Amino acid sequence: MNAPSRVTDELIGAVAARGHGNLVTDLAYPLPIAIICDLLGVPERYRDDWSARSSTASGRRRGPT
């Protein structure tokens, strides 16, 4: 399975486990950063840091507006 498919399955699995979700906050926002981190080899434990730093660097708040 390729990285985008695997990451998408993981994110959708987390929503399914909770029984509800939001397309933007649970998939559209975390998907690109998760794929980039996966391609760069960033370990899971550091991905929240990468997400926060990318939001800071781009001048955006963390998560959708």
PDB file of N, CA and C in Angstrom:
ATOM      1  N   MET A   1       0.860  -1.180   0.000  1.00  0.00           N
ATOM      2  CA  MET A   1       0.000   0.000   0.000  1.00  0.00           C
ATOM      3  C   MET A   1       0.903   1.239   0.000  1.00  0.00           C
ATOM      4  N   ASN A   2       0.568   2.226  -0.811  1.00  0.00           N
ATOM      5  CA  ASN A   2       1.389   3.438  -0.873  1.00  0.00           C
ATOM      6  C   ASN A   2       1.111   4.347   0.326  1.00  0.00           C
ATOM      7  N   ALA A   3       2.020   5.281   0.556  1.00  0.00           N
ATOM      8  CA  ALA A   3       1.944   6.147   1.743  1.00  0.00           C
ATOM      9  C   ALA A   3       0.626   6.923   1.840  1.00  0.00           C
ATOM     10  N   PRO A   4       0.178   7.605   0.775  1.00  0.00           N
ATOM     11  CA  PRO A   4      -1.090   8.348   0.901  1.00  0.00           C
ATOM     12  C   PRO A   4      -2.280   7.453   1.261  1.00  0.00           C
ATOM     13  N   SER A   5      -2.342   6.275   0.670  1.00  0.00           N
ATOM     14  CA  SER A   5      -3.457   5.360   0.983  1.00  0.00           C
ATOM     15  C   SER A   5      -3.388   4.887   2.423  1.00  0.00           C
ATOM     16  N   ARG A   6      -2.184   4.543   2.879  1.00  0.00           N
ATOM     17  CA  ARG A   6      -2.017   4.063   4.248  1.00  0.00           C
ATOM     18  C   ARG A   6      -2.385   5.141   5.265  1.00  0.00           C
ATOM     19  N   VAL A   7      -1.896   6.363   5.038  1.00  0.00           N
ATOM     20  CA  VAL A   7      -2.181   7.473   5.956  1.00  0.00           C
ATOM     21  C   VAL A   7      -3.680   7.778   5.960  1.00  0.00           C
ATOM     22  N   THR A   8      -4.289   7.783   4.785  1.00  0.00           N
ATOM     23  CA  THR A   8      -5.734   8.040   4.691  1.00  0.00           C
ATOM     24  C   THR A   8      -6.514   6.974   5.451  1.00  0.00           C
ATOM     25  N   ASP A   9      -6.131   5.720   5.272  1.00  0.00           N
ATOM     26  CA  ASP A   9      -6.792   4.629   6.004  1.00  0.00           C
ATOM     27  C   ASP A   9      -6.654   4.800   7.514  1.00  0.00           C
ATOM     28  N   GLU A  10      -5.472   5.216   7.973  1.00  0.00           N
ATOM     29  CA  GLU A  10      -5.267   5.433   9.412  1.00  0.00           C
ATOM     30  C   GLU A  10      -6.157   6.552   9.939  1.00  0.00           C
ATOM     31  N   LEU A  11      -6.229   7.657   9.199  1.00  0.00           N
ATOM     32  CA  LEU A  11      -7.051   8.790   9.636  1.00  0.00           C
ATOM     33  C   LEU A  11      -8.535   8.433   9.647  1.00  0.00           C
ATOM     34  N   ILE A  12      -8.982   7.735   8.612  1.00  0.00           N
ATOM     35  CA  ILE A  12     -10.388   7.323   8.546  1.00  0.00           C
ATOM     36  C   ILE A  12     -10.681   6.279   9.631  1.00  0.00           C
ATOM     37  N   GLY A  13      -9.717   5.423   9.901  1.00  0.00           N
ATOM     38  CA  GLY A  13      -9.879   4.434  10.973  1.00  0.00           C
ATOM     39  C   GLY A  13     -10.069   5.087  12.334  1.00  0.00           C
ATOM     40  N   ALA A  14      -9.344   6.179  12.565  1.00  0.00           N
ATOM     41  CA  ALA A  14      -9.487   6.901  13.835  1.00  0.00           C
ATOM     42  C   ALA A  14     -10.880   7.509  13.954  1.00  0.00           C
ATOM     43  N   VAL A  15     -11.400   8.037  12.848  1.00  0.00           N
ATOM     44  CA  VAL A  15     -12.760   8.594  12.842  1.00  0.00           C
ATOM     45  C   VAL A  15     -13.772   7.478  13.085  1.00  0.00           C
ATOM     46  N   ALA A  16     -13.595   6.361  12.418  1.00  0.00           N
ATOM     47  CA  ALA A  16     -14.521   5.231  12.576  1.00  0.00           C
ATOM     48  C   ALA A  16     -14.516   4.724  14.018  1.00  0.00           C
ATOM     49  N   ALA A  17     -13.351   4.698  14.638  1.00  0.00           N
ATOM     50  CA  ALA A  17     -13.261   4.230  16.023  1.00  0.00           C
ATOM     51  C   ALA A  17     -14.024   5.147  16.976  1.00  0.00           C
ATOM     52  N   ARG A  18     -14.022   6.457  16.671  1.00  0.00           N
ATOM     53  CA  ARG A  18     -14.768   7.408  17.505  1.00  0.00           C
ATOM     54  C   ARG A  18     -16.262   7.388  17.179  1.00  0.00           C
ATOM     55  N   GLY A  19     -16.596   6.977  15.975  1.00  0.00           N
ATOM     56  CA  GLY A  19     -17.995   6.923  15.572  1.00  0.00           C
ATOM     57  C   GLY A  19     -18.520   8.202  14.955  1.00  0.00           C
ATOM     58  N   HIS A  20     -17.691   9.216  14.834  1.00  0.00           N
ATOM     59  CA  HIS A  20     -18.080  10.481  14.220  1.00  0.00           C
ATOM     60  C   HIS A  20     -16.819  11.248  13.854  1.00  0.00           C
ATOM     61  N   GLY A  21     -16.973  12.240  12.996  1.00  0.00           N
ATOM     62  CA  GLY A  21     -15.804  13.040  12.626  1.00  0.00           C
ATOM     63  C   GLY A  21     -16.181  14.234  11.772  1.00  0.00           C
ATOM     64  N   ASN A  22     -15.165  14.995  11.453  1.00  0.00           N
ATOM     65  CA  ASN A  22     -15.302  16.184  10.623  1.00  0.00           C
ATOM     66  C   ASN A  22     -14.310  16.045   9.476  1.00  0.00           C
ATOM     67  N   LEU A  23     -14.778  16.181   8.249  1.00  0.00           N
ATOM     68  CA  LEU A  23     -13.935  15.974   7.081  1.00  0.00           C
ATOM     69  C   LEU A  23     -12.704  16.877   7.083  1.00  0.00           C
ATOM     70  N   VAL A  24     -12.867  18.120   7.470  1.00  0.00           N
ATOM     71  CA  VAL A  24     -11.745  19.066   7.438  1.00  0.00           C
ATOM     72  C   VAL A  24     -10.761  18.792   8.566  1.00  0.00           C
ATOM     73  N   THR A  25     -11.248  18.767   9.793  1.00  0.00           N
ATOM     74  CA  THR A  25     -10.329  18.637  10.932  1.00  0.00           C
ATOM     75  C   THR A  25      -9.749  17.233  11.076  1.00  0.00           C
ATOM     76  N   ASP A  26     -10.461  16.216  10.630  1.00  0.00           N
ATOM     77  CA  ASP A  26      -9.997  14.848  10.823  1.00  0.00           C
ATOM     78  C   ASP A  26      -9.296  14.248   9.605  1.00  0.00           C
ATOM     79  N   LEU A  27      -9.444  14.871   8.434  1.00  0.00           N
ATOM     80  CA  LEU A  27      -8.826  14.306   7.236  1.00  0.00           C
ATOM     81  C   LEU A  27      -8.087  15.355   6.405  1.00  0.00           C
ATOM     82  N   ALA A  28      -8.781  16.396   5.977  1.00  0.00           N
ATOM     83  CA  ALA A  28      -8.184  17.364   5.045  1.00  0.00           C
ATOM     84  C   ALA A  28      -7.012  18.134   5.648  1.00  0.00           C
ATOM     85  N   TYR A  29      -7.071  18.469   6.918  1.00  0.00           N
ATOM     86  CA  TYR A  29      -5.964  19.203   7.526  1.00  0.00           C
ATOM     87  C   TYR A  29      -4.785  18.289   7.873  1.00  0.00           C
ATOM     88  N   PRO A  30      -5.001  17.162   8.555  1.00  0.00           N
ATOM     89  CA  PRO A  30      -3.849  16.337   8.943  1.00  0.00           C
ATOM     90  C   PRO A  30      -3.240  15.506   7.813  1.00  0.00           C
ATOM     91  N   LEU A  31      -3.970  15.236   6.742  1.00  0.00           N
ATOM     92  CA  LEU A  31      -3.471  14.353   5.685  1.00  0.00           C
ATOM     93  C   LEU A  31      -2.194  14.857   5.019  1.00  0.00           C
ATOM     94  N   PRO A  32      -2.130  16.101   4.538  1.00  0.00           N
ATOM     95  CA  PRO A  32      -0.894  16.532   3.864  1.00  0.00           C
ATOM     96  C   PRO A  32       0.337  16.499   4.768  1.00  0.00           C
ATOM     97  N   ILE A  33       0.207  16.960   5.993  1.00  0.00           N
ATOM     98  CA  ILE A  33       1.375  16.963   6.882  1.00  0.00           C
ATOM     99  C   ILE A  33       1.791  15.536   7.222  1.00  0.00           C
ATOM    100  N   ALA A  34       0.835  14.633   7.377  1.00  0.00           N
ATOM    101  CA  ALA A  34       1.164  13.235   7.670  1.00  0.00           C
ATOM    102  C   ALA A  34       1.903  12.598   6.494  1.00  0.00           C
ATOM    103  N   ILE A  35       1.461  12.882   5.282  1.00  0.00           N
ATOM    104  CA  ILE A  35       2.119  12.324   4.101  1.00  0.00           C
ATOM    105  C   ILE A  35       3.527  12.903   3.945  1.00  0.00           C
ATOM    106  N   ILE A  36       3.671  14.200   4.139  1.00  0.00           N
ATOM    107  CA  ILE A  36       4.991  14.834   4.043  1.00  0.00           C
ATOM    108  C   ILE A  36       5.929  14.242   5.086  1.00  0.00           C
ATOM    109  N   CYS A  37       5.455  14.117   6.313  1.00  0.00           N
ATOM    110  CA  CYS A  37       6.281  13.534   7.373  1.00  0.00           C
ATOM    111  C   CYS A  37       6.660  12.094   7.032  1.00  0.00           C
ATOM    112  N   ASP A  38       5.720  11.345   6.490  1.00  0.00           N
ATOM    113  CA  ASP A  38       5.984   9.963   6.116  1.00  0.00           C
ATOM    114  C   ASP A  38       7.058   9.900   5.027  1.00  0.00           C
ATOM    115  N   LEU A  39       6.944  10.742   4.022  1.00  0.00           N
ATOM    116  CA  LEU A  39       7.921  10.759   2.934  1.00  0.00           C
ATOM    117  C   LEU A  39       9.303  11.191   3.408  1.00  0.00           C
ATOM    118  N   LEU A  40       9.347  12.078   4.402  1.00  0.00           N
ATOM    119  CA  LEU A  40      10.622  12.551   4.937  1.00  0.00           C
ATOM    120  C   LEU A  40      11.192  11.626   6.014  1.00  0.00           C
ATOM    121  N   GLY A  41      10.404  10.638   6.424  1.00  0.00           N
ATOM    122  CA  GLY A  41      10.867   9.699   7.439  1.00  0.00           C
ATOM    123  C   GLY A  41      10.782  10.229   8.864  1.00  0.00           C
ATOM    124  N   VAL A  42       9.912  11.204   9.098  1.00  0.00           N
ATOM    125  CA  VAL A  42       9.750  11.762  10.441  1.00  0.00           C
ATOM    126  C   VAL A  42       9.027  10.722  11.314  1.00  0.00           C
ATOM    127  N   PRO A  43       9.617  10.325  12.433  1.00  0.00           N
ATOM    128  CA  PRO A  43       8.964   9.345  13.303  1.00  0.00           C
ATOM    129  C   PRO A  43       7.614   9.867  13.825  1.00  0.00           C
ATOM    130  N   GLU A  44       6.706   8.948  14.074  1.00  0.00           N
ATOM    131  CA  GLU A  44       5.357   9.290  14.560  1.00  0.00           C
ATOM    132  C   GLU A  44       5.407  10.224  15.763  1.00  0.00           C
ATOM    133  N   ARG A  45       6.329   9.982  16.676  1.00  0.00           N
ATOM    134  CA  ARG A  45       6.365  10.760  17.920  1.00  0.00           C
ATOM    135  C   ARG A  45       6.697  12.234  17.690  1.00  0.00           C
ATOM    136  N   TYR A  46       7.230  12.580  16.524  1.00  0.00           N
ATOM    137  CA  TYR A  46       7.587  13.976  16.239  1.00  0.00           C
ATOM    138  C   TYR A  46       6.608  14.682  15.296  1.00  0.00           C
ATOM    139  N   ARG A  47       5.602  13.999  14.836  1.00  0.00           N
ATOM    140  CA  ARG A  47       4.720  14.583  13.816  1.00  0.00           C
ATOM    141  C   ARG A  47       3.885  15.743  14.327  1.00  0.00           C
ATOM    142  N   ASP A  48       3.474  15.701  15.579  1.00  0.00           N
ATOM    143  CA  ASP A  48       2.740  16.840  16.134  1.00  0.00           C
ATOM    144  C   ASP A  48       3.625  18.080  16.163  1.00  0.00           C
ATOM    145  N   ASP A  49       4.902  17.890  16.486  1.00  0.00           N
ATOM    146  CA  ASP A  49       5.846  19.018  16.469  1.00  0.00           C
ATOM    147  C   ASP A  49       5.984  19.596  15.060  1.00  0.00           C
ATOM    148  N   TRP A  50       6.093  18.726  14.064  1.00  0.00           N
ATOM    149  CA  TRP A  50       6.215  19.189  12.675  1.00  0.00           C
ATOM    150  C   TRP A  50       4.967  19.942  12.255  1.00  0.00           C
ATOM    151  N   SER A  51       3.818  19.444  12.653  1.00  0.00           N
ATOM    152  CA  SER A  51       2.568  20.103  12.304  1.00  0.00           C
ATOM    153  C   SER A  51       2.498  21.495  12.924  1.00  0.00           C
ATOM    154  N   ALA A  52       2.850  21.593  14.194  1.00  0.00           N
ATOM    155  CA  ALA A  52       2.826  22.886  14.882  1.00  0.00           C
ATOM    156  C   ALA A  52       3.829  23.849  14.256  1.00  0.00           C
ATOM    157  N   ARG A  53       5.025  23.364  13.950  1.00  0.00           N
ATOM    158  CA  ARG A  53       6.049  24.231  13.357  1.00  0.00           C
ATOM    159  C   ARG A  53       5.676  24.687  11.957  1.00  0.00           C
ATOM    160  N   SER A  54       5.048  23.822  11.185  1.00  0.00           N
ATOM    161  CA  SER A  54       4.650  24.233   9.838  1.00  0.00           C
ATOM    162  C   SER A  54       3.554  25.293   9.906  1.00  0.00           C
ATOM    163  N   SER A  55       2.678  25.181  10.890  1.00  0.00           N
ATOM    164  CA  SER A  55       1.640  26.205  11.072  1.00  0.00           C
ATOM    165  C   SER A  55       2.264  27.529  11.474  1.00  0.00           C
ATOM    166  N   THR A  56       3.246  27.484  12.354  1.00  0.00           N
ATOM    167  CA  THR A  56       3.950  28.691  12.791  1.00  0.00           C
ATOM    168  C   THR A  56       4.697  29.315  11.631  1.00  0.00           C
ATOM    169  N   ALA A  57       5.394  28.512  10.872  1.00  0.00           N
ATOM    170  CA  ALA A  57       6.186  29.005   9.741  1.00  0.00           C
ATOM    171  C   ALA A  57       5.315  29.642   8.665  1.00  0.00           C
ATOM    172  N   SER A  58       4.123  29.093   8.473  1.00  0.00           N
ATOM    173  CA  SER A  58       3.232  29.619   7.427  1.00  0.00           C
ATOM    174  C   SER A  58       2.367  30.770   7.943  1.00  0.00           C
ATOM    175  N   GLY A  59       2.454  31.054   9.258  1.00  0.00           N
ATOM    176  CA  GLY A  59       1.654  32.135   9.820  1.00  0.00           C
ATOM    177  C   GLY A  59       0.209  31.749  10.063  1.00  0.00           C
ATOM    178  N   ARG A  60      -0.073  30.449  10.055  1.00  0.00           N
ATOM    179  CA  ARG A  60      -1.435  29.981  10.262  1.00  0.00           C
ATOM    180  C   ARG A  60      -1.593  29.399  11.650  1.00  0.00           C
ATOM    181  N   ARG A  61      -2.830  29.451  12.104  1.00  0.00           N
ATOM    182  CA  ARG A  61      -3.145  28.766  13.355  1.00  0.00           C
ATOM    183  C   ARG A  61      -3.137  27.279  13.086  1.00  0.00           C
ATOM    184  N   ARG A  62      -2.930  26.517  14.134  1.00  0.00           N
ATOM    185  CA  ARG A  62      -2.976  25.079  13.988  1.00  0.00           C
ATOM    186  C   ARG A  62      -4.419  24.636  13.809  1.00  0.00           C
ATOM    187  N   GLY A  63      -4.674  23.878  12.786  1.00  0.00           N
ATOM    188  CA  GLY A  63      -6.026  23.416  12.492  1.00  0.00           C
ATOM    189  C   GLY A  63      -6.721  24.392  11.561  1.00  0.00           C
ATOM    190  N   PRO A  64      -7.887  24.004  11.096  1.00  0.00           N
ATOM    191  CA  PRO A  64      -8.614  24.866  10.164  1.00  0.00           C
ATOM    192  C   PRO A  64      -9.153  26.125  10.853  1.00  0.00           C
ATOM    193  N   THR A  65      -9.381  27.138  10.073  1.00  0.00           N
ATOM    194  CA  THR A  65      -9.911  28.398  10.633  1.00  0.00           C
ATOM    195  C   THR A  65     -11.409  28.402  10.640  1.00  0.00           C
TER     196      THR A  65
END
